[in-house]
Amino acid sequence: MGAVDLALDALFADPNIGRDAVYIAEGGAPVLVRVVARRADAVTDFGDARLWSETTRIDLRVAEVPTPRPGDRIEIDGEAFLIQGEPVRDRERLVWTVDLRPA
């Protein structure tokens, strides 16, 4: 296991950063996973206007969720979300970043 793997394990395990969640692939069984949640605001330019919106993004470890897909369900602290759009992997291909919308 390399240094990047060890650092990721530490980040996801940290109770101040990582959180428990349930991942449910469409038509699959629930799986307990660790996620890093990012609920940042997004500002999008649309012509001359700038639109503000709340976003919910999370990071998932590829080792726990090898193939997330749009429509898969994530439950965090009793809130249910669906993956929207295509998940994106990081450069090292160890972490997925997914956009969520309320289920």
PDB file of N, CA and C in Angstrom:
ATOM      1  N   MET A   1       0.854  -1.175   0.000  1.00  0.00           N
ATOM      2  CA  MET A   1       0.000   0.000   0.000  1.00  0.00           C
ATOM      3  C   MET A   1       0.899   1.236   0.000  1.00  0.00           C
ATOM      4  N   GLY A   2       0.619   2.169  -0.913  1.00  0.00           N
ATOM      5  CA  GLY A   2       1.438   3.363  -1.039  1.00  0.00           C
ATOM      6  C   GLY A   2       1.041   4.464  -0.081  1.00  0.00           C
ATOM      7  N   ALA A   3       1.813   5.528  -0.100  1.00  0.00           N
ATOM      8  CA  ALA A   3       1.569   6.667   0.788  1.00  0.00           C
ATOM      9  C   ALA A   3       0.223   7.330   0.513  1.00  0.00           C
ATOM     10  N   VAL A   4      -0.156   7.409  -0.760  1.00  0.00           N
ATOM     11  CA  VAL A   4      -1.445   8.031  -1.100  1.00  0.00           C
ATOM     12  C   VAL A   4      -2.586   7.181  -0.554  1.00  0.00           C
ATOM     13  N   ASP A   5      -2.486   5.869  -0.687  1.00  0.00           N
ATOM     14  CA  ASP A   5      -3.512   4.973  -0.139  1.00  0.00           C
ATOM     15  C   ASP A   5      -3.651   5.143   1.367  1.00  0.00           C
ATOM     16  N   LEU A   6      -2.532   5.214   2.066  1.00  0.00           N
ATOM     17  CA  LEU A   6      -2.560   5.387   3.523  1.00  0.00           C
ATOM     18  C   LEU A   6      -3.173   6.724   3.916  1.00  0.00           C
ATOM     19  N   ALA A   7      -2.833   7.779   3.170  1.00  0.00           N
ATOM     20  CA  ALA A   7      -3.397   9.101   3.463  1.00  0.00           C
ATOM     21  C   ALA A   7      -4.904   9.101   3.238  1.00  0.00           C
ATOM     22  N   LEU A   8      -5.357   8.485   2.156  1.00  0.00           N
ATOM     23  CA  LEU A   8      -6.802   8.413   1.897  1.00  0.00           C
ATOM     24  C   LEU A   8      -7.525   7.625   2.980  1.00  0.00           C
ATOM     25  N   ASP A   9      -6.958   6.506   3.385  1.00  0.00           N
ATOM     26  CA  ASP A   9      -7.565   5.728   4.470  1.00  0.00           C
ATOM     27  C   ASP A   9      -7.706   6.568   5.728  1.00  0.00           C
ATOM     28  N   ALA A  10      -6.672   7.346   6.052  1.00  0.00           N
ATOM     29  CA  ALA A  10      -6.726   8.198   7.238  1.00  0.00           C
ATOM     30  C   ALA A  10      -7.793   9.283   7.105  1.00  0.00           C
ATOM     31  N   LEU A  11      -7.899   9.899   5.934  1.00  0.00           N
ATOM     32  CA  LEU A  11      -8.914  10.942   5.730  1.00  0.00           C
ATOM     33  C   LEU A  11     -10.324  10.384   5.846  1.00  0.00           C
ATOM     34  N   PHE A  12     -10.588   9.285   5.171  1.00  0.00           N
ATOM     35  CA  PHE A  12     -11.930   8.713   5.206  1.00  0.00           C
ATOM     36  C   PHE A  12     -12.278   8.173   6.596  1.00  0.00           C
ATOM     37  N   ALA A  13     -11.293   7.709   7.345  1.00  0.00           N
ATOM     38  CA  ALA A  13     -11.539   7.171   8.687  1.00  0.00           C
ATOM     39  C   ALA A  13     -11.706   8.268   9.736  1.00  0.00           C
ATOM     40  N   ASP A  14     -11.174   9.459   9.466  1.00  0.00           N
ATOM     41  CA  ASP A  14     -11.244  10.562  10.429  1.00  0.00           C
ATOM     42  C   ASP A  14     -12.701  10.934  10.695  1.00  0.00           C
ATOM     43  N   PRO A  15     -13.150  10.900  11.967  1.00  0.00           N
ATOM     44  CA  PRO A  15     -14.556  11.199  12.268  1.00  0.00           C
ATOM     45  C   PRO A  15     -14.942  12.653  11.998  1.00  0.00           C
ATOM     46  N   ASN A  16     -13.969  13.543  11.857  1.00  0.00           N
ATOM     47  CA  ASN A  16     -14.265  14.937  11.541  1.00  0.00           C
ATOM     48  C   ASN A  16     -14.408  15.177  10.040  1.00  0.00           C
ATOM     49  N   ILE A  17     -13.966  14.235   9.223  1.00  0.00           N
ATOM     50  CA  ILE A  17     -13.991  14.404   7.770  1.00  0.00           C
ATOM     51  C   ILE A  17     -14.892  13.361   7.114  1.00  0.00           C
ATOM     52  N   GLY A  18     -14.633  12.092   7.395  1.00  0.00           N
ATOM     53  CA  GLY A  18     -15.401  11.007   6.794  1.00  0.00           C
ATOM     54  C   GLY A  18     -16.682  10.742   7.553  1.00  0.00           C
ATOM     55  N   ARG A  19     -17.666  10.204   6.846  1.00  0.00           N
ATOM     56  CA  ARG A  19     -18.950   9.879   7.466  1.00  0.00           C
ATOM     57  C   ARG A  19     -19.412   8.523   6.947  1.00  0.00           C
ATOM     58  N   ASP A  20     -20.179   7.838   7.771  1.00  0.00           N
ATOM     59  CA  ASP A  20     -20.789   6.591   7.336  1.00  0.00           C
ATOM     60  C   ASP A  20     -21.953   6.897   6.408  1.00  0.00           C
ATOM     61  N   ALA A  21     -22.111   6.081   5.406  1.00  0.00           N
ATOM     62  CA  ALA A  21     -23.218   6.215   4.461  1.00  0.00           C
ATOM     63  C   ALA A  21     -23.589   4.829   3.969  1.00  0.00           C
ATOM     64  N   VAL A  22     -24.742   4.753   3.350  1.00  0.00           N
ATOM     65  CA  VAL A  22     -25.196   3.511   2.740  1.00  0.00           C
ATOM     66  C   VAL A  22     -25.290   3.753   1.245  1.00  0.00           C
ATOM     67  N   TYR A  23     -24.609   2.908   0.483  1.00  0.00           N
ATOM     68  CA  TYR A  23     -24.634   2.979  -0.981  1.00  0.00           C
ATOM     69  C   TYR A  23     -25.502   1.846  -1.494  1.00  0.00           C
ATOM     70  N   ILE A  24     -26.452   2.179  -2.370  1.00  0.00           N
ATOM     71  CA  ILE A  24     -27.334   1.165  -2.940  1.00  0.00           C
ATOM     72  C   ILE A  24     -27.313   1.324  -4.453  1.00  0.00           C
ATOM     73  N   ALA A  25     -26.635   0.398  -5.121  1.00  0.00           N
ATOM     74  CA  ALA A  25     -26.642   0.403  -6.582  1.00  0.00           C
ATOM     75  C   ALA A  25     -28.050   0.082  -7.052  1.00  0.00           C
ATOM     76  N   GLU A  26     -28.442   0.658  -8.183  1.00  0.00           N
ATOM     77  CA  GLU A  26     -29.774   0.410  -8.709  1.00  0.00           C
ATOM     78  C   GLU A  26     -29.980  -1.090  -8.873  1.00  0.00           C
ATOM     79  N   GLY A  27     -30.967  -1.620  -8.151  1.00  0.00           N
ATOM     80  CA  GLY A  27     -31.250  -3.049  -8.184  1.00  0.00           C
ATOM     81  C   GLY A  27     -30.338  -3.889  -7.311  1.00  0.00           C
ATOM     82  N   GLY A  28     -29.450  -3.251  -6.517  1.00  0.00           N
ATOM     83  CA  GLY A  28     -28.492  -3.982  -5.697  1.00  0.00           C
ATOM     84  C   GLY A  28     -28.812  -3.925  -4.215  1.00  0.00           C
ATOM     85  N   ALA A  29     -27.960  -4.552  -3.442  1.00  0.00           N
ATOM     86  CA  ALA A  29     -28.116  -4.594  -1.995  1.00  0.00           C
ATOM     87  C   ALA A  29     -27.386  -3.416  -1.348  1.00  0.00           C
ATOM     88  N   PRO A  30     -27.852  -2.950  -0.190  1.00  0.00           N
ATOM     89  CA  PRO A  30     -27.182  -1.847   0.512  1.00  0.00           C
ATOM     90  C   PRO A  30     -25.788  -2.250   0.986  1.00  0.00           C
ATOM     91  N   VAL A  31     -24.842  -1.298   0.896  1.00  0.00           N
ATOM     92  CA  VAL A  31     -23.469  -1.517   1.325  1.00  0.00           C
ATOM     93  C   VAL A  31     -23.058  -0.333   2.195  1.00  0.00           C
ATOM     94  N   LEU A  32     -22.505  -0.608   3.378  1.00  0.00           N
ATOM     95  CA  LEU A  32     -22.008   0.448   4.245  1.00  0.00           C
ATOM     96  C   LEU A  32     -20.670   0.945   3.706  1.00  0.00           C
ATOM     97  N   VAL A  33     -20.538   2.252   3.504  1.00  0.00           N
ATOM     98  CA  VAL A  33     -19.314   2.858   2.978  1.00  0.00           C
ATOM     99  C   VAL A  33     -18.976   4.095   3.793  1.00  0.00           C
ATOM    100  N   ARG A  34     -17.761   4.602   3.582  1.00  0.00           N
ATOM    101  CA  ARG A  34     -17.353   5.882   4.166  1.00  0.00           C
ATOM    102  C   ARG A  34     -17.313   6.896   3.034  1.00  0.00           C
ATOM    103  N   VAL A  35     -17.778   8.110   3.304  1.00  0.00           N
ATOM    104  CA  VAL A  35     -17.782   9.172   2.304  1.00  0.00           C
ATOM    105  C   VAL A  35     -17.195  10.436   2.915  1.00  0.00           C
ATOM    106  N   VAL A  36     -16.714  11.299   2.054  1.00  0.00           N
ATOM    107  CA  VAL A  36     -16.341  12.654   2.451  1.00  0.00           C
ATOM    108  C   VAL A  36     -17.335  13.565   1.748  1.00  0.00           C
ATOM    109  N   ALA A  37     -18.171  14.233   2.532  1.00  0.00           N
ATOM    110  CA  ALA A  37     -19.227  15.078   1.975  1.00  0.00           C
ATOM    111  C   ALA A  37     -18.722  16.503   1.768  1.00  0.00           C
ATOM    112  N   ARG A  38     -19.141  17.079   0.635  1.00  0.00           N
ATOM    113  CA  ARG A  38     -18.828  18.471   0.330  1.00  0.00           C
ATOM    114  C   ARG A  38     -20.115  19.134  -0.108  1.00  0.00           C
ATOM    115  N   ARG A  39     -20.620  20.018   0.711  1.00  0.00           N
ATOM    116  CA  ARG A  39     -21.855  20.714   0.362  1.00  0.00           C
ATOM    117  C   ARG A  39     -21.535  22.170   0.075  1.00  0.00           C
ATOM    118  N   ALA A  40     -20.803  22.359  -0.988  1.00  0.00           N
ATOM    119  CA  ALA A  40     -20.381  23.710  -1.361  1.00  0.00           C
ATOM    120  C   ALA A  40     -21.438  24.365  -2.241  1.00  0.00           C
ATOM    121  N   ASP A  41     -21.413  25.687  -2.273  1.00  0.00           N
ATOM    122  CA  ASP A  41     -22.270  26.431  -3.177  1.00  0.00           C
ATOM    123  C   ASP A  41     -21.600  26.488  -4.545  1.00  0.00           C
ATOM    124  N   ALA A  42     -22.407  26.516  -5.578  1.00  0.00           N
ATOM    125  CA  ALA A  42     -21.884  26.623  -6.943  1.00  0.00           C
ATOM    126  C   ALA A  42     -22.419  27.895  -7.572  1.00  0.00           C
ATOM    127  N   VAL A  43     -21.552  28.601  -8.279  1.00  0.00           N
ATOM    128  CA  VAL A  43     -21.953  29.784  -9.023  1.00  0.00           C
ATOM    129  C   VAL A  43     -21.731  29.482 -10.492  1.00  0.00           C
ATOM    130  N   THR A  44     -22.809  29.610 -11.265  1.00  0.00           N
ATOM    131  CA  THR A  44     -22.762  29.287 -12.685  1.00  0.00           C
ATOM    132  C   THR A  44     -23.105  30.524 -13.490  1.00  0.00           C
ATOM    133  N   ASP A  45     -22.304  30.811 -14.503  1.00  0.00           N
ATOM    134  CA  ASP A  45     -22.602  31.926 -15.400  1.00  0.00           C
ATOM    135  C   ASP A  45     -23.609  31.460 -16.438  1.00  0.00           C
ATOM    136  N   PHE A  46     -24.636  32.274 -16.645  1.00  0.00           N
ATOM    137  CA  PHE A  46     -25.667  31.980 -17.636  1.00  0.00           C
ATOM    138  C   PHE A  46     -25.963  33.282 -18.356  1.00  0.00           C
ATOM    139  N   GLY A  47     -25.303  33.484 -19.495  1.00  0.00           N
ATOM    140  CA  GLY A  47     -25.416  34.773 -20.187  1.00  0.00           C
ATOM    141  C   GLY A  47     -24.795  35.857 -19.325  1.00  0.00           C
ATOM    142  N   ASP A  48     -25.571  36.905 -19.060  1.00  0.00           N
ATOM    143  CA  ASP A  48     -25.096  37.999 -18.213  1.00  0.00           C
ATOM    144  C   ASP A  48     -25.390  37.757 -16.734  1.00  0.00           C
ATOM    145  N   ALA A  49     -26.103  36.696 -16.439  1.00  0.00           N
ATOM    146  CA  ALA A  49     -26.491  36.419 -15.055  1.00  0.00           C
ATOM    147  C   ALA A  49     -25.544  35.400 -14.427  1.00  0.00           C
ATOM    148  N   ARG A  50     -25.453  35.474 -13.113  1.00  0.00           N
ATOM    149  CA  ARG A  50     -24.732  34.458 -12.345  1.00  0.00           C
ATOM    150  C   ARG A  50     -25.735  33.793 -11.422  1.00  0.00           C
ATOM    151  N   LEU A  51     -25.829  32.483 -11.523  1.00  0.00           N
ATOM    152  CA  LEU A  51     -26.783  31.724 -10.727  1.00  0.00           C
ATOM    153  C   LEU A  51     -26.082  31.032  -9.579  1.00  0.00           C
ATOM    154  N   TRP A  52     -26.651  31.142  -8.393  1.00  0.00           N
ATOM    155  CA  TRP A  52     -26.129  30.490  -7.200  1.00  0.00           C
ATOM    156  C   TRP A  52     -27.003  29.294  -6.895  1.00  0.00           C
ATOM    157  N   SER A  53     -26.389  28.191  -6.551  1.00  0.00           N
ATOM    158  CA  SER A  53     -27.155  27.011  -6.154  1.00  0.00           C
ATOM    159  C   SER A  53     -26.352  26.208  -5.144  1.00  0.00           C
ATOM    160  N   GLU A  54     -27.089  25.546  -4.269  1.00  0.00           N
ATOM    161  CA  GLU A  54     -26.456  24.630  -3.324  1.00  0.00           C
ATOM    162  C   GLU A  54     -26.140  23.342  -4.076  1.00  0.00           C
ATOM    163  N   THR A  55     -25.015  22.754  -3.755  1.00  0.00           N
ATOM    164  CA  THR A  55     -24.675  21.469  -4.357  1.00  0.00           C
ATOM    165  C   THR A  55     -24.346  20.479  -3.264  1.00  0.00           C
ATOM    166  N   THR A  56     -24.531  19.239  -3.564  1.00  0.00           N
ATOM    167  CA  THR A  56     -24.104  18.171  -2.666  1.00  0.00           C
ATOM    168  C   THR A  56     -23.221  17.245  -3.476  1.00  0.00           C
ATOM    169  N   ARG A  57     -21.962  17.223  -3.106  1.00  0.00           N
ATOM    170  CA  ARG A  57     -21.004  16.326  -3.738  1.00  0.00           C
ATOM    171  C   ARG A  57     -20.369  15.487  -2.642  1.00  0.00           C
ATOM    172  N   ILE A  58     -20.041  14.268  -3.002  1.00  0.00           N
ATOM    173  CA  ILE A  58     -19.323  13.416  -2.059  1.00  0.00           C
ATOM    174  C   ILE A  58     -18.191  12.721  -2.786  1.00  0.00           C
ATOM    175  N   ASP A  59     -17.218  12.318  -2.004  1.00  0.00           N
ATOM    176  CA  ASP A  59     -16.133  11.476  -2.499  1.00  0.00           C
ATOM    177  C   ASP A  59     -16.363  10.066  -1.969  1.00  0.00           C
ATOM    178  N   LEU A  60     -16.192   9.087  -2.836  1.00  0.00           N
ATOM    179  CA  LEU A  60     -16.292   7.662  -2.506  1.00  0.00           C
ATOM    180  C   LEU A  60     -14.986   6.993  -2.898  1.00  0.00           C
ATOM    181  N   ARG A  61     -14.536   6.056  -2.090  1.00  0.00           N
ATOM    182  CA  ARG A  61     -13.341   5.306  -2.466  1.00  0.00           C
ATOM    183  C   ARG A  61     -13.683   4.264  -3.526  1.00  0.00           C
ATOM    184  N   VAL A  62     -12.868   4.206  -4.560  1.00  0.00           N
ATOM    185  CA  VAL A  62     -13.056   3.232  -5.632  1.00  0.00           C
ATOM    186  C   VAL A  62     -13.004   1.815  -5.058  1.00  0.00           C
ATOM    187  N   ALA A  63     -12.203   1.604  -4.015  1.00  0.00           N
ATOM    188  CA  ALA A  63     -12.096   0.277  -3.400  1.00  0.00           C
ATOM    189  C   ALA A  63     -13.434  -0.172  -2.811  1.00  0.00           C
ATOM    190  N   GLU A  64     -14.271   0.771  -2.372  1.00  0.00           N
ATOM    191  CA  GLU A  64     -15.570   0.425  -1.781  1.00  0.00           C
ATOM    192  C   GLU A  64     -16.696   0.437  -2.813  1.00  0.00           C
ATOM    193  N   VAL A  65     -16.613   1.338  -3.773  1.00  0.00           N
ATOM    194  CA  VAL A  65     -17.649   1.473  -4.802  1.00  0.00           C
ATOM    195  C   VAL A  65     -16.945   1.527  -6.160  1.00  0.00           C
ATOM    196  N   PRO A  66     -16.729   0.380  -6.791  1.00  0.00           N
ATOM    197  CA  PRO A  66     -15.947   0.360  -8.024  1.00  0.00           C
ATOM    198  C   PRO A  66     -16.633   1.012  -9.226  1.00  0.00           C
ATOM    199  N   THR A  67     -17.970   0.974  -9.295  1.00  0.00           N
ATOM    200  CA  THR A  67     -18.655   1.500 -10.486  1.00  0.00           C
ATOM    201  C   THR A  67     -19.954   2.223 -10.123  1.00  0.00           C
ATOM    202  N   PRO A  68     -19.878   3.395  -9.503  1.00  0.00           N
ATOM    203  CA  PRO A  68     -21.112   4.142  -9.238  1.00  0.00           C
ATOM    204  C   PRO A  68     -21.730   4.618 -10.548  1.00  0.00           C
ATOM    205  N   ARG A  69     -23.043   4.697 -10.588  1.00  0.00           N
ATOM    206  CA  ARG A  69     -23.756   5.088 -11.799  1.00  0.00           C
ATOM    207  C   ARG A  69     -24.874   6.083 -11.457  1.00  0.00           C
ATOM    208  N   PRO A  70     -25.235   6.930 -12.407  1.00  0.00           N
ATOM    209  CA  PRO A  70     -26.389   7.810 -12.186  1.00  0.00           C
ATOM    210  C   PRO A  70     -27.614   6.977 -11.825  1.00  0.00           C
ATOM    211  N   GLY A  71     -28.355   7.456 -10.834  1.00  0.00           N
ATOM    212  CA  GLY A  71     -29.536   6.733 -10.353  1.00  0.00           C
ATOM    213  C   GLY A  71     -29.263   5.880  -9.136  1.00  0.00           C
ATOM    214  N   ASP A  72     -27.997   5.564  -8.842  1.00  0.00           N
ATOM    215  CA  ASP A  72     -27.681   4.835  -7.611  1.00  0.00           C
ATOM    216  C   ASP A  72     -28.015   5.726  -6.423  1.00  0.00           C
ATOM    217  N   ARG A  73     -28.308   5.106  -5.292  1.00  0.00           N
ATOM    218  CA  ARG A  73     -28.785   5.819  -4.102  1.00  0.00           C
ATOM    219  C   ARG A  73     -27.699   5.864  -3.029  1.00  0.00           C
ATOM    220  N   ILE A  74     -27.619   7.013  -2.348  1.00  0.00           N
ATOM    221  CA  ILE A  74     -26.718   7.196  -1.212  1.00  0.00           C
ATOM    222  C   ILE A  74     -27.559   7.724  -0.056  1.00  0.00           C
ATOM    223  N   GLU A  75     -27.429   7.115   1.115  1.00  0.00           N
ATOM    224  CA  GLU A  75     -28.131   7.595   2.304  1.00  0.00           C
ATOM    225  C   GLU A  75     -27.097   8.038   3.331  1.00  0.00           C
ATOM    226  N   ILE A  76     -27.217   9.314   3.748  1.00  0.00           N
ATOM    227  CA  ILE A  76     -26.294   9.904   4.714  1.00  0.00           C
ATOM    228  C   ILE A  76     -27.117  10.522   5.833  1.00  0.00           C
ATOM    229  N   ASP A  77     -26.902  10.055   7.053  1.00  0.00           N
ATOM    230  CA  ASP A  77     -27.615  10.594   8.218  1.00  0.00           C
ATOM    231  C   ASP A  77     -29.123  10.650   8.002  1.00  0.00           C
ATOM    232  N   GLY A  78     -29.688   9.601   7.422  1.00  0.00           N
ATOM    233  CA  GLY A  78     -31.131   9.532   7.221  1.00  0.00           C
ATOM    234  C   GLY A  78     -31.641  10.294   6.011  1.00  0.00           C
ATOM    235  N   GLU A  79     -30.788  11.005   5.301  1.00  0.00           N
ATOM    236  CA  GLU A  79     -31.193  11.706   4.079  1.00  0.00           C
ATOM    237  C   GLU A  79     -30.842  10.843   2.872  1.00  0.00           C
ATOM    238  N   ALA A  80     -31.757  10.759   1.922  1.00  0.00           N
ATOM    239  CA  ALA A  80     -31.545   9.945   0.732  1.00  0.00           C
ATOM    240  C   ALA A  80     -31.243  10.841  -0.462  1.00  0.00           C
ATOM    241  N   PHE A  81     -30.255  10.415  -1.256  1.00  0.00           N
ATOM    242  CA  PHE A  81     -29.836  11.140  -2.446  1.00  0.00           C
ATOM    243  C   PHE A  81     -29.682  10.163  -3.600  1.00  0.00           C
ATOM    244  N   LEU A  82     -29.777  10.690  -4.813  1.00  0.00           N
ATOM    245  CA  LEU A  82     -29.494   9.913  -6.009  1.00  0.00           C
ATOM    246  C   LEU A  82     -28.294  10.532  -6.708  1.00  0.00           C
ATOM    247  N   ILE A  83     -27.451   9.680  -7.270  1.00  0.00           N
ATOM    248  CA  ILE A  83     -26.317  10.176  -8.050  1.00  0.00           C
ATOM    249  C   ILE A  83     -26.867  10.748  -9.351  1.00  0.00           C
ATOM    250  N   GLN A  84     -26.426  11.972  -9.667  1.00  0.00           N
ATOM    251  CA  GLN A  84     -26.819  12.572 -10.944  1.00  0.00           C
ATOM    252  C   GLN A  84     -25.561  12.868 -11.744  1.00  0.00           C
ATOM    253  N   GLY A  85     -25.641  12.694 -13.027  1.00  0.00           N
ATOM    254  CA  GLY A  85     -24.468  12.905 -13.872  1.00  0.00           C
ATOM    255  C   GLY A  85     -23.476  11.770 -13.721  1.00  0.00           C
ATOM    256  N   GLU A  86     -22.435  11.838 -14.522  1.00  0.00           N
ATOM    257  CA  GLU A  86     -21.419  10.790 -14.492  1.00  0.00           C
ATOM    258  C   GLU A  86     -20.398  11.040 -13.376  1.00  0.00           C
ATOM    259  N   PRO A  87     -20.112  10.039 -12.559  1.00  0.00           N
ATOM    260  CA  PRO A  87     -19.063  10.166 -11.545  1.00  0.00           C
ATOM    261  C   PRO A  87     -17.701  10.401 -12.208  1.00  0.00           C
ATOM    262  N   VAL A  88     -16.819  11.092 -11.500  1.00  0.00           N
ATOM    263  CA  VAL A  88     -15.492  11.414 -12.021  1.00  0.00           C
ATOM    264  C   VAL A  88     -14.451  10.883 -11.042  1.00  0.00           C
ATOM    265  N   ARG A  89     -13.423  10.188 -11.585  1.00  0.00           N
ATOM    266  CA  ARG A  89     -12.340   9.680 -10.732  1.00  0.00           C
ATOM    267  C   ARG A  89     -11.194  10.676 -10.681  1.00  0.00           C
ATOM    268  N   ASP A  90     -10.470  10.638  -9.567  1.00  0.00           N
ATOM    269  CA  ASP A  90      -9.297  11.497  -9.415  1.00  0.00           C
ATOM    270  C   ASP A  90      -8.142  10.976 -10.271  1.00  0.00           C
ATOM    271  N   ARG A  91      -7.068  11.731 -10.310  1.00  0.00           N
ATOM    272  CA  ARG A  91      -5.927  11.387 -11.159  1.00  0.00           C
ATOM    273  C   ARG A  91      -5.322  10.028 -10.811  1.00  0.00           C
ATOM    274  N   GLU A  92      -5.279   9.703  -9.524  1.00  0.00           N
ATOM    275  CA  GLU A  92      -4.718   8.426  -9.094  1.00  0.00           C
ATOM    276  C   GLU A  92      -5.713   7.276  -9.243  1.00  0.00           C
ATOM    277  N   ARG A  93      -6.959   7.607  -9.599  1.00  0.00           N
ATOM    278  CA  ARG A  93      -8.033   6.638  -9.811  1.00  0.00           C
ATOM    279  C   ARG A  93      -8.381   5.869  -8.538  1.00  0.00           C
ATOM    280  N   LEU A  94      -8.327   6.580  -7.412  1.00  0.00           N
ATOM    281  CA  LEU A  94      -8.636   5.978  -6.116  1.00  0.00           C
ATOM    282  C   LEU A  94      -9.942   6.482  -5.518  1.00  0.00           C
ATOM    283  N   VAL A  95     -10.416   7.643  -6.000  1.00  0.00           N
ATOM    284  CA  VAL A  95     -11.593   8.296  -5.406  1.00  0.00           C
ATOM    285  C   VAL A  95     -12.536   8.750  -6.509  1.00  0.00           C
ATOM    286  N   TRP A  96     -13.819   8.458  -6.325  1.00  0.00           N
ATOM    287  CA  TRP A  96     -14.874   8.991  -7.188  1.00  0.00           C
ATOM    288  C   TRP A  96     -15.417  10.267  -6.559  1.00  0.00           C
ATOM    289  N   THR A  97     -15.703  11.269  -7.344  1.00  0.00           N
ATOM    290  CA  THR A  97     -16.483  12.422  -6.918  1.00  0.00           C
ATOM    291  C   THR A  97     -17.807  12.340  -7.643  1.00  0.00           C
ATOM    292  N   VAL A  98     -18.893  12.385  -6.870  1.00  0.00           N
ATOM    293  CA  VAL A  98     -20.233  12.274  -7.459  1.00  0.00           C
ATOM    294  C   VAL A  98     -21.099  13.446  -7.008  1.00  0.00           C
ATOM    295  N   ASP A  99     -21.937  13.913  -7.911  1.00  0.00           N
ATOM    296  CA  ASP A  99     -22.938  14.930  -7.601  1.00  0.00           C
ATOM    297  C   ASP A  99     -24.212  14.214  -7.193  1.00  0.00           C
ATOM    298  N   LEU A 100     -24.866  14.749  -6.178  1.00  0.00           N
ATOM    299  CA  LEU A 100     -26.083  14.141  -5.667  1.00  0.00           C
ATOM    300  C   LEU A 100     -27.251  15.113  -5.764  1.00  0.00           C
ATOM    301  N   ARG A 101     -28.444  14.543  -5.831  1.00  0.00           N
ATOM    302  CA  ARG A 101     -29.672  15.321  -5.706  1.00  0.00           C
ATOM    303  C   ARG A 101     -30.583  14.600  -4.739  1.00  0.00           C
ATOM    304  N   PRO A 102     -31.450  15.324  -4.056  1.00  0.00           N
ATOM    305  CA  PRO A 102     -32.350  14.642  -3.117  1.00  0.00           C
ATOM    306  C   PRO A 102     -33.198  13.592  -3.825  1.00  0.00           C
ATOM    307  N   ALA A 103     -33.406  12.486  -3.140  1.00  0.00           N
ATOM    308  CA  ALA A 103     -34.214  11.391  -3.727  1.00  0.00           C
ATOM    309  C   ALA A 103     -35.690  11.676  -3.558  1.00  0.00           C
TER     310      ALA A 103
END
